[in-house]
Amino acid sequence: MSAQSKNLPIRMVSRVVHGFGRGSKDLGIPTANVNLDKDTLKCSIDDYDELPTGIYWGFARIGEPSAEGKGEAGGDSVLGRVYTAAISIGYNPTYNNKEKTVEPHLIAEPDHPQRHASSTGETQFQDFYDKTIVLSVVGFLRNELPFEGLDKLTEAIKKDIDDAVNLANGTEPFIIAERMWVKSASRI
């Protein structure tokens, strides 16, 4: 078992904060950056510095749980729904970050109007700053890698998104359990 897989699933509850803005602006693949401040982050791993770096898949919810499949604001609201996520944990080596970040990209269902709304054809939702995020990191996809140029990075992320969608559609009990935890949890 790899170091990245031995602690999975990793469960987190925190707040969405401003990131570097590169996911939306540079790549067309926005992320809901997790506040890693020790007073805000609640995590199933005691020390966030121990979070293994890499690219993962899992599930995320922004805001309070929804009722009967509606978002917390009702109708087609994004808030309160469970989404598949492609998740970067690490230092973004293409950009040479000095601080570790946790950056999930929420992926809408294929028929959702926002599913292909970004400049690269990926999900584009509104900003979620200061909203609660509930995140389950379920599986490991690949190691963090530096890429030669943004086109290569975007291509790799799009593959990560496809892989995350395929894996999240699994019917294994642990996948169903993590989706249900994200749907209903408000704390670790």
C-alpha atoms as a PDB file:
ATOM      1  CA  MET A   1       0.000   0.000   0.000  1.00  0.00           C
ATOM      2  CA  SER A   2       1.387   3.418  -0.979  1.00  0.00           C
ATOM      3  CA  ALA A   3       1.954   6.207   1.530  1.00  0.00           C
ATOM      4  CA  GLN A   4      -0.754   8.172  -0.266  1.00  0.00           C
ATOM      5  CA  SER A   5      -3.336   5.397   0.160  1.00  0.00           C
ATOM      6  CA  LYS A   6      -2.693   4.210   3.719  1.00  0.00           C
ATOM      7  CA  ASN A   7      -4.586   7.065   5.428  1.00  0.00           C
ATOM      8  CA  LEU A   8      -7.569   7.096   3.093  1.00  0.00           C
ATOM      9  CA  PRO A   9     -10.244   8.178   3.299  1.00  0.00           C
ATOM     10  CA  ILE A  10      -9.261  11.574   4.671  1.00  0.00           C
ATOM     11  CA  ARG A  11     -12.209  13.620   5.902  1.00  0.00           C
ATOM     12  CA  MET A  12     -12.130  17.411   6.233  1.00  0.00           C
ATOM     13  CA  VAL A  13     -14.496  20.188   7.232  1.00  0.00           C
ATOM     14  CA  SER A  14     -13.327  23.759   6.777  1.00  0.00           C
ATOM     15  CA  ARG A  15     -14.047  26.990   4.904  1.00  0.00           C
ATOM     16  CA  VAL A  16     -13.387  27.987   1.299  1.00  0.00           C
ATOM     17  CA  VAL A  17     -10.698  30.664   0.974  1.00  0.00           C
ATOM     18  CA  HIS A  18      -9.158  32.649  -1.854  1.00  0.00           C
ATOM     19  CA  GLY A  19      -6.350  30.818  -3.590  1.00  0.00           C
ATOM     20  CA  PHE A  20      -3.901  32.109  -6.153  1.00  0.00           C
ATOM     21  CA  GLY A  21      -6.646  32.435  -8.784  1.00  0.00           C
ATOM     22  CA  ARG A  22      -4.738  30.254 -11.231  1.00  0.00           C
ATOM     23  CA  GLY A  23      -7.292  27.444 -11.409  1.00  0.00           C
ATOM     24  CA  SER A  24      -9.913  29.742 -12.889  1.00  0.00           C
ATOM     25  CA  LYS A  25      -7.782  32.274 -14.710  1.00  0.00           C
ATOM     26  CA  ASP A  26      -4.800  30.274 -16.024  1.00  0.00           C
ATOM     27  CA  LEU A  27      -6.356  26.849 -16.429  1.00  0.00           C
ATOM     28  CA  GLY A  28     -10.129  27.274 -16.722  1.00  0.00           C
ATOM     29  CA  ILE A  29     -10.477  24.692 -13.937  1.00  0.00           C
ATOM     30  CA  PRO A  30     -11.558  26.511 -10.759  1.00  0.00           C
ATOM     31  CA  THR A  31     -11.017  25.037  -7.312  1.00  0.00           C
ATOM     32  CA  ALA A  32     -12.628  25.554  -3.910  1.00  0.00           C
ATOM     33  CA  ASN A  33      -9.481  26.130  -1.846  1.00  0.00           C
ATOM     34  CA  VAL A  34      -9.664  24.682   1.674  1.00  0.00           C
ATOM     35  CA  ASN A  35      -8.702  26.875   4.634  1.00  0.00           C
ATOM     36  CA  LEU A  36      -5.882  24.958   6.340  1.00  0.00           C
ATOM     37  CA  ASP A  37      -5.662  27.211   9.404  1.00  0.00           C
ATOM     38  CA  LYS A  38      -5.496  24.932  12.435  1.00  0.00           C
ATOM     39  CA  ASP A  39      -8.349  26.850  14.112  1.00  0.00           C
ATOM     40  CA  THR A  40     -10.653  26.323  11.115  1.00  0.00           C
ATOM     41  CA  LEU A  41      -9.701  22.952   9.606  1.00  0.00           C
ATOM     42  CA  LYS A  42     -11.149  19.810  11.140  1.00  0.00           C
ATOM     43  CA  CYS A  43      -9.429  16.786   9.653  1.00  0.00           C
ATOM     44  CA  SER A  44      -9.323  13.036  10.251  1.00  0.00           C
ATOM     45  CA  ILE A  45      -5.508  13.347  10.137  1.00  0.00           C
ATOM     46  CA  ASP A  46      -4.380  15.177  13.274  1.00  0.00           C
ATOM     47  CA  ASP A  47      -1.572  17.166  11.653  1.00  0.00           C
ATOM     48  CA  TYR A  48      -2.354  18.663   8.259  1.00  0.00           C
ATOM     49  CA  ASP A  49       1.382  18.701   7.506  1.00  0.00           C
ATOM     50  CA  GLU A  50       1.046  14.918   7.375  1.00  0.00           C
ATOM     51  CA  LEU A  51      -1.432  15.069   4.476  1.00  0.00           C
ATOM     52  CA  PRO A  52       0.252  13.095   1.707  1.00  0.00           C
ATOM     53  CA  THR A  53       0.833  15.141  -1.447  1.00  0.00           C
ATOM     54  CA  GLY A  54      -0.671  13.996  -4.720  1.00  0.00           C
ATOM     55  CA  ILE A  55      -3.736  14.125  -6.901  1.00  0.00           C
ATOM     56  CA  TYR A  56      -6.818  12.400  -5.503  1.00  0.00           C
ATOM     57  CA  TRP A  57     -10.508  11.872  -6.129  1.00  0.00           C
ATOM     58  CA  GLY A  58     -13.352  12.127  -3.702  1.00  0.00           C
ATOM     59  CA  PHE A  59     -16.539  13.962  -2.833  1.00  0.00           C
ATOM     60  CA  ALA A  60     -17.254  17.531  -1.730  1.00  0.00           C
ATOM     61  CA  ARG A  61     -20.175  19.616  -0.555  1.00  0.00           C
ATOM     62  CA  ILE A  62     -20.336  23.376  -0.168  1.00  0.00           C
ATOM     63  CA  GLY A  63     -22.767  24.699   2.444  1.00  0.00           C
ATOM     64  CA  GLU A  64     -25.332  22.873   4.519  1.00  0.00           C
ATOM     65  CA  PRO A  65     -26.777  19.505   3.421  1.00  0.00           C
ATOM     66  CA  SER A  66     -29.582  19.712   0.902  1.00  0.00           C
ATOM     67  CA  ALA A  67     -33.012  18.151   1.283  1.00  0.00           C
ATOM     68  CA  GLU A  68     -34.472  15.893  -1.387  1.00  0.00           C
ATOM     69  CA  GLY A  69     -31.701  16.554  -3.898  1.00  0.00           C
ATOM     70  CA  LYS A  70     -32.220  20.328  -3.960  1.00  0.00           C
ATOM     71  CA  GLY A  71     -29.419  22.722  -3.095  1.00  0.00           C
ATOM     72  CA  GLU A  72     -29.650  24.556   0.243  1.00  0.00           C
ATOM     73  CA  ALA A  73     -31.231  27.484  -1.602  1.00  0.00           C
ATOM     74  CA  GLY A  74     -33.626  25.110  -3.390  1.00  0.00           C
ATOM     75  CA  GLY A  75     -34.029  24.459  -7.105  1.00  0.00           C
ATOM     76  CA  ASP A  76     -30.785  24.174  -9.028  1.00  0.00           C
ATOM     77  CA  SER A  77     -28.561  25.700  -6.353  1.00  0.00           C
ATOM     78  CA  VAL A  78     -25.055  24.265  -6.167  1.00  0.00           C
ATOM     79  CA  LEU A  79     -24.934  24.725  -2.397  1.00  0.00           C
ATOM     80  CA  GLY A  80     -25.705  21.681  -0.281  1.00  0.00           C
ATOM     81  CA  ARG A  81     -25.231  19.084  -3.023  1.00  0.00           C
ATOM     82  CA  VAL A  82     -22.570  16.379  -3.128  1.00  0.00           C
ATOM     83  CA  TYR A  83     -20.181  16.593  -6.069  1.00  0.00           C
ATOM     84  CA  THR A  84     -17.407  14.366  -7.286  1.00  0.00           C
ATOM     85  CA  ALA A  85     -14.080  16.147  -6.882  1.00  0.00           C
ATOM     86  CA  ALA A  86     -10.602  15.937  -8.367  1.00  0.00           C
ATOM     87  CA  ILE A  87      -8.349  17.089  -5.522  1.00  0.00           C
ATOM     88  CA  SER A  88      -4.806  18.426  -5.471  1.00  0.00           C
ATOM     89  CA  ILE A  89      -2.970  18.202  -2.157  1.00  0.00           C
ATOM     90  CA  GLY A  90       0.486  19.680  -2.245  1.00  0.00           C
ATOM     91  CA  TYR A  91       2.737  22.376  -3.570  1.00  0.00           C
ATOM     92  CA  ASN A  92       1.702  22.704  -7.224  1.00  0.00           C
ATOM     93  CA  PRO A  93       5.221  22.038  -8.546  1.00  0.00           C
ATOM     94  CA  THR A  94       4.510  23.654 -11.917  1.00  0.00           C
ATOM     95  CA  TYR A  95       4.087  26.919  -9.972  1.00  0.00           C
ATOM     96  CA  ASN A  96       6.738  26.202  -7.282  1.00  0.00           C
ATOM     97  CA  ASN A  97       4.417  26.929  -4.336  1.00  0.00           C
ATOM     98  CA  LYS A  98       6.063  27.121  -0.909  1.00  0.00           C
ATOM     99  CA  GLU A  99       2.860  26.361   1.043  1.00  0.00           C
ATOM    100  CA  LYS A 100       0.874  23.148   0.907  1.00  0.00           C
ATOM    101  CA  THR A 101      -2.671  23.598  -0.387  1.00  0.00           C
ATOM    102  CA  VAL A 102      -5.787  21.443  -0.662  1.00  0.00           C
ATOM    103  CA  GLU A 103      -7.664  22.345  -3.851  1.00  0.00           C
ATOM    104  CA  PRO A 104     -10.742  20.344  -4.900  1.00  0.00           C
ATOM    105  CA  HIS A 105     -12.289  20.946  -8.318  1.00  0.00           C
ATOM    106  CA  LEU A 106     -16.007  20.179  -8.008  1.00  0.00           C
ATOM    107  CA  ILE A 107     -17.422  18.298 -10.989  1.00  0.00           C
ATOM    108  CA  ALA A 108     -21.065  18.751 -11.913  1.00  0.00           C
ATOM    109  CA  GLU A 109     -23.178  15.956 -13.350  1.00  0.00           C
ATOM    110  CA  PRO A 110     -22.992  15.629 -17.177  1.00  0.00           C
ATOM    111  CA  ASP A 111     -26.423  17.244 -17.692  1.00  0.00           C
ATOM    112  CA  HIS A 112     -25.888  20.147 -15.248  1.00  0.00           C
ATOM    113  CA  PRO A 113     -25.847  23.526 -17.059  1.00  0.00           C
ATOM    114  CA  GLN A 114     -22.479  24.441 -15.505  1.00  0.00           C
ATOM    115  CA  ARG A 115     -20.740  21.148 -16.372  1.00  0.00           C
ATOM    116  CA  HIS A 116     -18.908  22.465 -19.444  1.00  0.00           C
ATOM    117  CA  ALA A 117     -19.044  26.202 -18.737  1.00  0.00           C
ATOM    118  CA  SER A 118     -15.360  27.029 -18.220  1.00  0.00           C
ATOM    119  CA  SER A 119     -12.880  28.009 -20.908  1.00  0.00           C
ATOM    120  CA  THR A 120     -11.545  24.434 -20.981  1.00  0.00           C
ATOM    121  CA  GLY A 121     -14.955  22.756 -20.914  1.00  0.00           C
ATOM    122  CA  GLU A 122     -14.923  21.912 -17.204  1.00  0.00           C
ATOM    123  CA  THR A 123     -17.349  22.785 -14.408  1.00  0.00           C
ATOM    124  CA  GLN A 124     -17.594  26.471 -13.547  1.00  0.00           C
ATOM    125  CA  PHE A 125     -19.633  27.422 -10.471  1.00  0.00           C
ATOM    126  CA  GLN A 126     -19.955  30.723  -8.637  1.00  0.00           C
ATOM    127  CA  ASP A 127     -17.434  31.702  -5.958  1.00  0.00           C
ATOM    128  CA  PHE A 128     -17.803  29.895  -2.625  1.00  0.00           C
ATOM    129  CA  TYR A 129     -15.603  32.087  -0.430  1.00  0.00           C
ATOM    130  CA  ASP A 130     -16.265  31.750   3.308  1.00  0.00           C
ATOM    131  CA  LYS A 131     -18.741  28.886   2.796  1.00  0.00           C
ATOM    132  CA  THR A 132     -18.317  25.607   4.674  1.00  0.00           C
ATOM    133  CA  ILE A 133     -16.711  22.809   2.658  1.00  0.00           C
ATOM    134  CA  VAL A 134     -17.072  19.142   3.576  1.00  0.00           C
ATOM    135  CA  LEU A 135     -14.520  17.002   1.738  1.00  0.00           C
ATOM    136  CA  SER A 136     -13.724  13.296   1.625  1.00  0.00           C
ATOM    137  CA  VAL A 137     -10.479  12.329  -0.088  1.00  0.00           C
ATOM    138  CA  VAL A 138     -11.316   8.780  -1.139  1.00  0.00           C
ATOM    139  CA  GLY A 139      -8.661   7.569  -3.570  1.00  0.00           C
ATOM    140  CA  PHE A 140      -5.210   8.319  -4.980  1.00  0.00           C
ATOM    141  CA  LEU A 141      -4.858   9.125  -8.693  1.00  0.00           C
ATOM    142  CA  ARG A 142      -1.226  10.110  -9.214  1.00  0.00           C
ATOM    143  CA  ASN A 143       1.783  11.894  -7.777  1.00  0.00           C
ATOM    144  CA  GLU A 144       2.207  15.658  -8.022  1.00  0.00           C
ATOM    145  CA  LEU A 145       4.372  16.455 -11.031  1.00  0.00           C
ATOM    146  CA  PRO A 146       5.860  19.560 -12.575  1.00  0.00           C
ATOM    147  CA  PHE A 147       4.653  20.127 -16.153  1.00  0.00           C
ATOM    148  CA  GLU A 148       6.306  21.950 -19.012  1.00  0.00           C
ATOM    149  CA  GLY A 149       3.674  24.552 -19.749  1.00  0.00           C
ATOM    150  CA  LEU A 150       0.046  25.122 -18.882  1.00  0.00           C
ATOM    151  CA  ASP A 151      -1.279  23.080 -21.833  1.00  0.00           C
ATOM    152  CA  LYS A 152       0.362  19.913 -20.471  1.00  0.00           C
ATOM    153  CA  LEU A 153      -0.882  20.680 -16.958  1.00  0.00           C
ATOM    154  CA  THR A 154      -4.438  21.301 -18.193  1.00  0.00           C
ATOM    155  CA  GLU A 155      -4.338  18.047 -20.188  1.00  0.00           C
ATOM    156  CA  ALA A 156      -3.263  16.103 -17.071  1.00  0.00           C
ATOM    157  CA  ILE A 157      -5.953  17.733 -14.925  1.00  0.00           C
ATOM    158  CA  LYS A 158      -8.646  16.923 -17.486  1.00  0.00           C
ATOM    159  CA  LYS A 159      -7.540  13.272 -17.321  1.00  0.00           C
ATOM    160  CA  ASP A 160      -7.661  13.455 -13.505  1.00  0.00           C
ATOM    161  CA  ILE A 161     -11.231  14.780 -13.765  1.00  0.00           C
ATOM    162  CA  ASP A 162     -12.245  11.918 -16.075  1.00  0.00           C
ATOM    163  CA  ASP A 163     -10.621   9.383 -13.738  1.00  0.00           C
ATOM    164  CA  ALA A 164     -12.324  10.937 -10.694  1.00  0.00           C
ATOM    165  CA  VAL A 165     -15.742  10.727 -12.367  1.00  0.00           C
ATOM    166  CA  ASN A 166     -15.222   7.094 -13.354  1.00  0.00           C
ATOM    167  CA  LEU A 167     -14.040   6.049  -9.890  1.00  0.00           C
ATOM    168  CA  ALA A 168     -16.724   8.013  -8.023  1.00  0.00           C
ATOM    169  CA  ASN A 169     -19.409   6.161  -9.963  1.00  0.00           C
ATOM    170  CA  GLY A 170     -18.321   2.913  -8.306  1.00  0.00           C
ATOM    171  CA  THR A 171     -20.741   0.923  -6.185  1.00  0.00           C
ATOM    172  CA  GLU A 172     -18.292  -0.417  -3.607  1.00  0.00           C
ATOM    173  CA  PRO A 173     -19.525   0.067  -0.023  1.00  0.00           C
ATOM    174  CA  PHE A 174     -16.646   2.403   0.930  1.00  0.00           C
ATOM    175  CA  ILE A 175     -17.484   4.745  -1.986  1.00  0.00           C
ATOM    176  CA  ILE A 176     -21.158   4.856  -1.031  1.00  0.00           C
ATOM    177  CA  ALA A 177     -20.229   5.413   2.642  1.00  0.00           C
ATOM    178  CA  GLU A 178     -17.996   8.400   1.828  1.00  0.00           C
ATOM    179  CA  ARG A 179     -20.583   9.983  -0.449  1.00  0.00           C
ATOM    180  CA  MET A 180     -23.158   9.601   2.358  1.00  0.00           C
ATOM    181  CA  TRP A 181     -20.744  11.056   4.939  1.00  0.00           C
ATOM    182  CA  VAL A 182     -20.200  14.153   2.764  1.00  0.00           C
ATOM    183  CA  LYS A 183     -23.948  14.462   2.198  1.00  0.00           C
ATOM    184  CA  SER A 184     -24.780  14.587   5.909  1.00  0.00           C
ATOM    185  CA  ALA A 185     -21.652  15.554   7.860  1.00  0.00           C
ATOM    186  CA  SER A 186     -20.986  18.875   9.479  1.00  0.00           C
ATOM    187  CA  ARG A 187     -18.044  17.797  11.615  1.00  0.00           C
ATOM    188  CA  ILE A 188     -15.348  15.140  11.865  1.00  0.00           C
END
